[in-house]
C-alpha atoms as a PDB file:
ATOM      1  CA  MET A   1     123.670 151.821 131.626  1.00  0.00           C
ATOM      2  CA  PRO A   2     121.387 151.313 128.594  1.00  0.00           C
ATOM      3  CA  THR A   3     118.741 148.671 128.816  1.00  0.00           C
ATOM      4  CA  ALA A   4     117.878 146.195 126.079  1.00  0.00           C
ATOM      5  CA  ASP A   5     114.662 146.566 124.152  1.00  0.00           C
ATOM      6  CA  ILE A   6     111.916 144.220 125.335  1.00  0.00           C
ATOM      7  CA  LEU A   7     110.130 142.704 122.381  1.00  0.00           C
ATOM      8  CA  PRO A   8     106.411 142.030 122.748  1.00  0.00           C
ATOM      9  CA  LEU A   9     105.318 138.416 122.795  1.00  0.00           C
ATOM     10  CA  PRO A  10     103.564 137.165 119.635  1.00  0.00           C
ATOM     11  CA  ARG A  11      99.830 137.637 119.652  1.00  0.00           C
ATOM     12  CA  ALA A  12      97.853 134.559 120.604  1.00  0.00           C
ATOM     13  CA  ASP A  13      96.052 134.618 117.249  1.00  0.00           C
ATOM     14  CA  PHE A  14      99.271 134.887 115.206  1.00  0.00           C
ATOM     15  CA  ALA A  15     100.333 131.241 114.917  1.00  0.00           C
ATOM     16  CA  GLY A  16      97.105 130.012 113.339  1.00  0.00           C
ATOM     17  CA  PRO A  17      96.941 132.455 110.404  1.00  0.00           C
ATOM     18  CA  PHE A  18     100.742 132.282 109.960  1.00  0.00           C
ATOM     19  CA  SER A  19     100.811 128.501 109.558  1.00  0.00           C
ATOM     20  CA  ALA A  20      97.507 128.091 107.709  1.00  0.00           C
ATOM     21  CA  ALA A  21      98.852 129.608 104.489  1.00  0.00           C
ATOM     22  CA  LEU A  22     102.320 128.044 104.601  1.00  0.00           C
ATOM     23  CA  LEU A  23     101.510 124.992 102.476  1.00  0.00           C
ATOM     24  CA  PHE A  24      99.428 126.783  99.838  1.00  0.00           C
ATOM     25  CA  PRO A  25     101.476 128.920  97.419  1.00  0.00           C
ATOM     26  CA  ASP A  26      98.436 130.775  96.106  1.00  0.00           C
ATOM     27  CA  ALA A  27      97.189 131.791  99.551  1.00  0.00           C
ATOM     28  CA  GLU A  28      97.611 135.426 100.543  1.00  0.00           C
ATOM     29  CA  THR A  29     100.313 136.370 102.993  1.00  0.00           C
ATOM     30  CA  PRO A  30      98.654 136.692 106.419  1.00  0.00           C
ATOM     31  CA  ALA A  31      98.016 140.310 107.336  1.00  0.00           C
ATOM     32  CA  LEU A  32      99.838 139.908 110.631  1.00  0.00           C
ATOM     33  CA  VAL A  33     103.103 139.098 108.840  1.00  0.00           C
ATOM     34  CA  THR A  34     105.041 142.347 108.521  1.00  0.00           C
ATOM     35  CA  GLY A  35     108.618 143.439 108.080  1.00  0.00           C
ATOM     36  CA  PRO A  36     110.552 146.346 109.578  1.00  0.00           C
ATOM     37  CA  ARG A  37     108.451 149.439 110.300  1.00  0.00           C
ATOM     38  CA  GLY A  38     105.263 147.505 109.635  1.00  0.00           C
ATOM     39  CA  LYS A  39     105.865 147.006 105.921  1.00  0.00           C
ATOM     40  CA  ARG A  40     104.293 144.089 104.128  1.00  0.00           C
ATOM     41  CA  ALA A  41     106.532 141.013 103.909  1.00  0.00           C
ATOM     42  CA  GLU A  42     105.162 138.922 101.042  1.00  0.00           C
ATOM     43  CA  LYS A  43     108.575 137.984  99.625  1.00  0.00           C
ATOM     44  CA  ARG A  44     109.989 137.008 103.004  1.00  0.00           C
ATOM     45  CA  TYR A  45     106.942 134.889 103.758  1.00  0.00           C
ATOM     46  CA  ASP A  46     107.089 133.238 100.325  1.00  0.00           C
ATOM     47  CA  VAL A  47     110.732 132.267 100.914  1.00  0.00           C
ATOM     48  CA  TYR A  48     109.818 130.757 104.264  1.00  0.00           C
ATOM     49  CA  ARG A  49     106.769 129.042 102.764  1.00  0.00           C
ATOM     50  CA  ASN A  50     108.887 127.492 100.009  1.00  0.00           C
ATOM     51  CA  ASN A  51     111.501 126.308 102.504  1.00  0.00           C
ATOM     52  CA  VAL A  52     108.833 124.565 104.584  1.00  0.00           C
ATOM     53  CA  THR A  53     107.479 122.670 101.575  1.00  0.00           C
ATOM     54  CA  VAL A  54     110.955 121.738 100.331  1.00  0.00           C
ATOM     55  CA  SER A  55     111.898 120.462 103.795  1.00  0.00           C
ATOM     56  CA  LEU A  56     108.768 118.300 104.028  1.00  0.00           C
ATOM     57  CA  ILE A  57     109.351 116.883 100.545  1.00  0.00           C
ATOM     58  CA  ALA A  58     112.925 116.047 101.536  1.00  0.00           C
ATOM     59  CA  ALA A  59     111.647 114.371 104.706  1.00  0.00           C
ATOM     60  CA  LEU A  60     109.248 112.208 102.681  1.00  0.00           C
ATOM     61  CA  ALA A  61     112.007 111.310 100.225  1.00  0.00           C
ATOM     62  CA  SER A  62     114.244 110.173 103.093  1.00  0.00           C
ATOM     63  CA  ILE A  63     111.444 108.017 104.521  1.00  0.00           C
ATOM     64  CA  PHE A  64     110.337 106.569 101.172  1.00  0.00           C
ATOM     65  CA  PRO A  65     113.497 106.194  99.038  1.00  0.00           C
ATOM     66  CA  ALA A  66     112.196 103.119  97.203  1.00  0.00           C
ATOM     67  CA  VAL A  67     108.990 104.941  96.223  1.00  0.00           C
ATOM     68  CA  GLU A  68     111.044 107.873  94.950  1.00  0.00           C
ATOM     69  CA  ARG A  69     113.316 105.574  92.938  1.00  0.00           C
ATOM     70  CA  ILE A  70     110.310 103.824  91.384  1.00  0.00           C
ATOM     71  CA  THR A  71     108.475 107.005  90.402  1.00  0.00           C
ATOM     72  CA  GLY A  72     111.480 109.218  89.692  1.00  0.00           C
ATOM     73  CA  PRO A  73     112.273 112.465  91.583  1.00  0.00           C
ATOM     74  CA  ASP A  74     109.964 114.751  89.574  1.00  0.00           C
ATOM     75  CA  PHE A  75     106.917 112.501  89.933  1.00  0.00           C
ATOM     76  CA  PHE A  76     107.694 111.997  93.623  1.00  0.00           C
ATOM     77  CA  ARG A  77     108.031 115.722  94.340  1.00  0.00           C
ATOM     78  CA  ALA A  78     104.726 116.495  92.620  1.00  0.00           C
ATOM     79  CA  MET A  79     102.953 113.690  94.492  1.00  0.00           C
ATOM     80  CA  ALA A  80     104.531 114.757  97.778  1.00  0.00           C
ATOM     81  CA  ARG A  81     103.394 118.365  97.326  1.00  0.00           C
ATOM     82  CA  PHE A  82      99.773 117.282  96.996  1.00  0.00           C
ATOM     83  CA  HIS A  83     100.112 115.061 100.047  1.00  0.00           C
ATOM     84  CA  ILE A  84     101.668 117.869 102.101  1.00  0.00           C
ATOM     85  CA  ARG A  85      98.795 120.217 101.283  1.00  0.00           C
ATOM     86  CA  GLU A  86      96.243 117.557 102.167  1.00  0.00           C
ATOM     87  CA  THR A  87      97.989 116.302 105.321  1.00  0.00           C
ATOM     88  CA  PRO A  88     100.176 118.873 107.100  1.00  0.00           C
ATOM     89  CA  PRO A  89     102.535 117.570 109.792  1.00  0.00           C
ATOM     90  CA  THR A  90     101.218 117.349 113.345  1.00  0.00           C
ATOM     91  CA  SER A  91     104.523 116.481 115.028  1.00  0.00           C
ATOM     92  CA  PRO A  92     107.773 118.482 115.213  1.00  0.00           C
ATOM     93  CA  LEU A  93     109.673 115.241 114.499  1.00  0.00           C
ATOM     94  CA  LEU A  94     110.162 114.938 110.746  1.00  0.00           C
ATOM     95  CA  PHE A  95     110.763 111.160 110.865  1.00  0.00           C
ATOM     96  CA  ASP A  96     107.222 110.863 112.254  1.00  0.00           C
ATOM     97  CA  TYR A  97     105.753 112.488 109.133  1.00  0.00           C
ATOM     98  CA  GLY A  98     104.222 110.530 106.262  1.00  0.00           C
ATOM     99  CA  ARG A  99     102.092 108.012 108.165  1.00  0.00           C
ATOM    100  CA  ASN A 100      99.218 108.669 105.769  1.00  0.00           C
ATOM    101  CA  PHE A 101     101.357 108.791 102.633  1.00  0.00           C
ATOM    102  CA  ALA A 102     100.524 105.225 101.532  1.00  0.00           C
ATOM    103  CA  ASP A 103      96.788 105.897 101.857  1.00  0.00           C
ATOM    104  CA  PHE A 104      97.268 109.069  99.823  1.00  0.00           C
ATOM    105  CA  ILE A 105      99.058 107.095  97.084  1.00  0.00           C
ATOM    106  CA  ASP A 106      96.029 104.781  96.923  1.00  0.00           C
ATOM    107  CA  ARG A 107      93.934 107.818  95.945  1.00  0.00           C
ATOM    108  CA  TYR A 108      96.488 109.642  93.818  1.00  0.00           C
ATOM    109  CA  ALA A 109      95.184 109.557  90.267  1.00  0.00           C
ATOM    110  CA  TYR A 110      98.577 109.482  88.549  1.00  0.00           C
ATOM    111  CA  ALA A 111      99.713 106.427  90.562  1.00  0.00           C
ATOM    112  CA  GLN A 112      96.800 104.193  89.640  1.00  0.00           C
ATOM    113  CA  ASP A 113      98.873 102.288  87.060  1.00  0.00           C
ATOM    114  CA  MET A 114     101.210 101.250  89.920  1.00  0.00           C
ATOM    115  CA  PRO A 115      98.762  99.455  92.262  1.00  0.00           C
ATOM    116  CA  TRP A 116     101.638  98.032  94.342  1.00  0.00           C
ATOM    117  CA  LEU A 117     103.230 101.422  95.031  1.00  0.00           C
ATOM    118  CA  SER A 118     101.201 102.176  98.163  1.00  0.00           C
ATOM    119  CA  ASP A 119     102.178  98.840  99.720  1.00  0.00           C
ATOM    120  CA  VAL A 120     105.845  99.577  99.024  1.00  0.00           C
ATOM    121  CA  ALA A 121     105.297 102.851 100.898  1.00  0.00           C
ATOM    122  CA  ARG A 122     103.675 100.962 103.778  1.00  0.00           C
ATOM    123  CA  ILE A 123     106.694  98.678 104.036  1.00  0.00           C
ATOM    124  CA  GLU A 124     109.048 101.671 104.079  1.00  0.00           C
ATOM    125  CA  ARG A 125     107.000 103.317 106.837  1.00  0.00           C
ATOM    126  CA  LEU A 126     107.022 100.085 108.860  1.00  0.00           C
ATOM    127  CA  TRP A 127     110.783  99.776 108.298  1.00  0.00           C
ATOM    128  CA  LEU A 128     111.319 103.191 109.855  1.00  0.00           C
ATOM    129  CA  ASP A 129     108.933 102.451 112.729  1.00  0.00           C
ATOM    130  CA  SER A 130     110.847  99.241 113.395  1.00  0.00           C
ATOM    131  CA  TYR A 131     114.136 101.140 113.408  1.00  0.00           C
ATOM    132  CA  HIS A 132     112.831 103.641 115.988  1.00  0.00           C
ATOM    133  CA  ALA A 133     110.921 101.101 118.111  1.00  0.00           C
ATOM    134  CA  ALA A 134     111.770 100.577 121.766  1.00  0.00           C
ATOM    135  CA  ASP A 135     114.752  98.446 122.656  1.00  0.00           C
ATOM    136  CA  ALA A 136     114.087  95.037 124.182  1.00  0.00           C
ATOM    137  CA  PRO A 137     115.989  91.768 124.542  1.00  0.00           C
ATOM    138  CA  VAL A 138     115.572  89.292 121.700  1.00  0.00           C
ATOM    139  CA  LEU A 139     114.262  85.855 122.634  1.00  0.00           C
ATOM    140  CA  ALA A 140     117.129  83.361 122.798  1.00  0.00           C
ATOM    141  CA  ALA A 141     116.769  79.815 121.529  1.00  0.00           C
ATOM    142  CA  GLU A 142     118.018  78.583 124.920  1.00  0.00           C
ATOM    143  CA  ALA A 143     114.964  80.076 126.645  1.00  0.00           C
ATOM    144  CA  LEU A 144     112.656  78.039 124.428  1.00  0.00           C
ATOM    145  CA  ALA A 145     114.735  74.875 124.840  1.00  0.00           C
ATOM    146  CA  ALA A 146     114.359  75.158 128.619  1.00  0.00           C
ATOM    147  CA  VAL A 147     110.545  74.911 128.475  1.00  0.00           C
ATOM    148  CA  PRO A 148     109.233  71.460 129.593  1.00  0.00           C
ATOM    149  CA  PRO A 149     107.694  69.563 126.632  1.00  0.00           C
ATOM    150  CA  ASP A 150     104.288  69.391 128.334  1.00  0.00           C
ATOM    151  CA  ASP A 151     104.168  73.209 128.489  1.00  0.00           C
ATOM    152  CA  LEU A 152     104.957  73.786 124.808  1.00  0.00           C
ATOM    153  CA  PRO A 153     101.378  73.601 123.374  1.00  0.00           C
ATOM    154  CA  ALA A 154     100.188  76.407 125.664  1.00  0.00           C
ATOM    155  CA  LEU A 155     103.294  78.554 125.192  1.00  0.00           C
ATOM    156  CA  ARG A 156     102.688  82.148 124.138  1.00  0.00           C
ATOM    157  CA  PHE A 157     105.201  84.361 122.368  1.00  0.00           C
ATOM    158  CA  GLN A 158     105.546  88.080 123.026  1.00  0.00           C
ATOM    159  CA  PRO A 159     106.337  90.006 119.812  1.00  0.00           C
ATOM    160  CA  HIS A 160     109.426  92.177 119.919  1.00  0.00           C
ATOM    161  CA  PRO A 161     108.571  95.928 119.941  1.00  0.00           C
ATOM    162  CA  ALA A 162     110.379  96.303 116.599  1.00  0.00           C
ATOM    163  CA  ALA A 163     108.632  93.374 114.892  1.00  0.00           C
ATOM    164  CA  ARG A 164     105.999  94.093 112.232  1.00  0.00           C
ATOM    165  CA  LEU A 165     104.024  91.831 109.896  1.00  0.00           C
ATOM    166  CA  VAL A 166     103.144  92.939 106.386  1.00  0.00           C
ATOM    167  CA  SER A 167     100.956  91.420 103.694  1.00  0.00           C
ATOM    168  CA  SER A 168     100.217  92.602 100.167  1.00  0.00           C
ATOM    169  CA  PRO A 169      98.225  91.247  97.222  1.00  0.00           C
ATOM    170  CA  HIS A 170     101.153  92.463  95.118  1.00  0.00           C
ATOM    171  CA  PRO A 171     104.875  91.555  95.086  1.00  0.00           C
ATOM    172  CA  ALA A 172     105.520  94.649  97.196  1.00  0.00           C
ATOM    173  CA  ILE A 173     108.273  93.119  99.340  1.00  0.00           C
ATOM    174  CA  THR A 174     110.312  92.109  96.303  1.00  0.00           C
ATOM    175  CA  ILE A 175     109.784  95.518  94.691  1.00  0.00           C
ATOM    176  CA  PHE A 176     110.758  97.221  97.956  1.00  0.00           C
ATOM    177  CA  ALA A 177     113.955  95.160  98.218  1.00  0.00           C
ATOM    178  CA  MET A 178     114.992  95.835  94.620  1.00  0.00           C
ATOM    179  CA  ASN A 179     114.475  99.588  94.931  1.00  0.00           C
ATOM    180  CA  ARG A 180     115.957 100.278  98.369  1.00  0.00           C
ATOM    181  CA  GLY A 181     119.437 100.443  96.868  1.00  0.00           C
ATOM    182  CA  SER A 182     120.966 101.449  93.569  1.00  0.00           C
ATOM    183  CA  GLY A 183     121.345  97.998  92.025  1.00  0.00           C
ATOM    184  CA  PRO A 184     119.642  96.799  88.845  1.00  0.00           C
ATOM    185  CA  VAL A 185     115.904  96.125  88.823  1.00  0.00           C
ATOM    186  CA  GLY A 186     114.512  93.047  87.092  1.00  0.00           C
ATOM    187  CA  ARG A 187     111.112  91.679  86.235  1.00  0.00           C
ATOM    188  CA  VAL A 188     108.858  90.645  89.109  1.00  0.00           C
ATOM    189  CA  GLU A 189     106.267  87.888  89.118  1.00  0.00           C
ATOM    190  CA  ASN A 190     102.840  89.298  89.952  1.00  0.00           C
ATOM    191  CA  GLN A 191     101.817  87.487  93.123  1.00  0.00           C
ATOM    192  CA  SER A 192     100.845  88.215  96.699  1.00  0.00           C
ATOM    193  CA  GLU A 193     103.578  88.400  99.323  1.00  0.00           C
ATOM    194  CA  HIS A 194     103.822  88.268 103.107  1.00  0.00           C
ATOM    195  CA  GLY A 195     106.706  89.370 105.250  1.00  0.00           C
ATOM    196  CA  LEU A 196     108.260  90.080 108.626  1.00  0.00           C
ATOM    197  CA  ILE A 197     110.041  93.313 109.489  1.00  0.00           C
ATOM    198  CA  ALA A 198     112.276  92.927 112.551  1.00  0.00           C
ATOM    199  CA  ARG A 199     115.341  94.447 114.163  1.00  0.00           C
ATOM    200  CA  ILE A 200     118.316  93.009 115.992  1.00  0.00           C
ATOM    201  CA  ASP A 201     120.447  95.752 117.536  1.00  0.00           C
ATOM    202  CA  ASP A 202     120.265  98.540 114.922  1.00  0.00           C
ATOM    203  CA  GLU A 203     119.811  96.368 111.833  1.00  0.00           C
ATOM    204  CA  VAL A 204     116.305  96.167 110.389  1.00  0.00           C
ATOM    205  CA  THR A 205     115.552  93.260 108.061  1.00  0.00           C
ATOM    206  CA  VAL A 206     112.566  92.521 105.821  1.00  0.00           C
ATOM    207  CA  ARG A 207     111.932  88.823 105.154  1.00  0.00           C
ATOM    208  CA  ARG A 208     109.495  87.219 102.766  1.00  0.00           C
ATOM    209  CA  LEU A 209     107.405  84.505 104.406  1.00  0.00           C
ATOM    210  CA  HIS A 210     105.537  81.490 103.067  1.00  0.00           C
ATOM    211  CA  SER A 211     101.803  81.614 103.660  1.00  0.00           C
ATOM    212  CA  GLY A 212     101.959  79.034 106.472  1.00  0.00           C
ATOM    213  CA  VAL A 213     104.713  80.850 108.349  1.00  0.00           C
ATOM    214  CA  PHE A 214     102.875  84.147 107.985  1.00  0.00           C
ATOM    215  CA  ALA A 215      99.636  82.607 109.329  1.00  0.00           C
ATOM    216  CA  PHE A 216     101.632  81.092 112.200  1.00  0.00           C
ATOM    217  CA  LEU A 217     103.214  84.414 113.121  1.00  0.00           C
ATOM    218  CA  ARG A 218      99.959  86.304 112.726  1.00  0.00           C
ATOM    219  CA  ALA A 219      98.321  83.950 115.220  1.00  0.00           C
ATOM    220  CA  LEU A 220     101.237  84.243 117.666  1.00  0.00           C
ATOM    221  CA  PHE A 221     101.251  88.029 117.358  1.00  0.00           C
ATOM    222  CA  ASP A 222      97.516  87.987 118.129  1.00  0.00           C
ATOM    223  CA  GLY A 223      98.218  86.090 121.348  1.00  0.00           C
ATOM    224  CA  ASP A 224      97.273  82.537 120.365  1.00  0.00           C
ATOM    225  CA  PRO A 225      99.158  79.706 122.098  1.00  0.00           C
ATOM    226  CA  LEU A 226     101.675  77.692 120.149  1.00  0.00           C
ATOM    227  CA  ALA A 227      99.428  74.704 119.415  1.00  0.00           C
ATOM    228  CA  ALA A 228      96.593  76.866 118.095  1.00  0.00           C
ATOM    229  CA  ALA A 229      98.979  78.951 115.968  1.00  0.00           C
ATOM    230  CA  ALA A 230     100.482  75.785 114.478  1.00  0.00           C
ATOM    231  CA  ALA A 231      96.987  74.511 113.582  1.00  0.00           C
ATOM    232  CA  THR A 232      96.226  77.820 111.857  1.00  0.00           C
ATOM    233  CA  ALA A 233      99.482  77.557 109.899  1.00  0.00           C
ATOM    234  CA  LEU A 234      98.713  73.991 108.766  1.00  0.00           C
ATOM    235  CA  ASP A 235      95.309  75.133 107.524  1.00  0.00           C
ATOM    236  CA  ALA A 236      97.090  77.742 105.398  1.00  0.00           C
ATOM    237  CA  ASP A 237      99.866  75.407 104.212  1.00  0.00           C
ATOM    238  CA  ALA A 238      99.830  71.640 104.640  1.00  0.00           C
ATOM    239  CA  ALA A 239     103.628  71.605 104.248  1.00  0.00           C
ATOM    240  CA  PHE A 240     104.163  73.988 107.177  1.00  0.00           C
ATOM    241  CA  ASP A 241     107.346  73.123 109.147  1.00  0.00           C
ATOM    242  CA  LEU A 242     106.836  74.085 112.801  1.00  0.00           C
ATOM    243  CA  PRO A 243     110.414  73.625 114.108  1.00  0.00           C
ATOM    244  CA  GLY A 244     111.855  75.393 111.081  1.00  0.00           C
ATOM    245  CA  ALA A 245     109.435  78.321 111.432  1.00  0.00           C
ATOM    246  CA  ILE A 246     110.201  78.778 115.129  1.00  0.00           C
ATOM    247  CA  GLY A 247     113.947  78.648 114.527  1.00  0.00           C
ATOM    248  CA  GLU A 248     113.763  81.150 111.684  1.00  0.00           C
ATOM    249  CA  MET A 249     111.644  83.616 113.628  1.00  0.00           C
ATOM    250  CA  ILE A 250     113.853  83.443 116.719  1.00  0.00           C
ATOM    251  CA  SER A 251     116.926  84.115 114.584  1.00  0.00           C
ATOM    252  CA  ALA A 252     115.098  87.047 112.959  1.00  0.00           C
ATOM    253  CA  GLY A 253     114.363  88.652 116.327  1.00  0.00           C
ATOM    254  CA  ALA A 254     110.573  88.432 116.037  1.00  0.00           C
ATOM    255  CA  PHE A 255     110.003  87.773 119.739  1.00  0.00           C
ATOM    256  CA  SER A 256     111.221  89.212 123.018  1.00  0.00           C
ATOM    257  CA  HIS A 257     110.085  86.566 125.498  1.00  0.00           C
ATOM    258  CA  ILE A 258     107.749  83.622 126.085  1.00  0.00           C
ATOM    259  CA  ARG A 259     105.049  82.916 128.652  1.00  0.00           C
ATOM    260  CA  THR A 260     103.762  79.625 129.921  1.00  0.00           C
ATOM    261  CA  GLU A 261     100.085  78.985 130.653  1.00  0.00           C
ATOM    262  CA  ALA A 262     100.753  79.686 134.330  1.00  0.00           C
ATOM    263  CA  ASP A 263     102.195  83.085 133.436  1.00  0.00           C
ATOM    264  CA  HIS A 264      99.189  83.796 131.198  1.00  0.00           C
ATOM    265  CA  VAL A 265      96.695  82.965 133.948  1.00  0.00           C
ATOM    266  CA  GLU A 266      98.660  85.029 136.455  1.00  0.00           C
ATOM    267  CA  HIS A 267      98.544  88.104 134.207  1.00  0.00           C
ATOM    268  CA  ALA A 268      94.941  87.639 133.076  1.00  0.00           C
END
């Protein structure tokens, strides 16, 4: 009975040279890459190299659709190619790629006339991270209503794993919202914006926040008790509405649970 051929395992020093040239079209085909009977395999390697780059560009486009819509496909592909060469992927999960894309846009010479573009990219990255964040129960209004009034000032709120805060000196949240779909795009007032990215079930939402509400949430996310967070919010906005802010953030799914001062001391 004939036996099957046993193929030798790849050499230990094969993977490094093989992958090092993949993202650089002008790099020579690694000498270890050969075809049948030991023939050189430049064309085969070039096809594979092109497919890798195209796949990574497509991955970035799926993660940053608003950025692609703003710049146009050709501009986006060119920008993405430079980013790919500078920052190759380190994870086999394509949705995990592009964490440094916003920082790259900050440095990309041809994007300097769009100073808000990198913050739009940051929001898109945070949106995806929120979507893939761990599941956890969302804080119910009934849980807060059950807290004795004397315990409210020291109450601490645990952020939901999918909740993210974002702040930009540009109207990045508005620009993000207008360019996530295919609807018309209008003029945007040039102003700073703050927002909350949160998820209930599988639906991720991005909300614009007034400065007081953002300061309030920032303090709560940092672990400050309710009274201290409210004082921080009032410093940022004298018109800050504490009950309204709490109700809005609970309905948005910003928190997973609350802790009283006794709980805090117990876990300290």
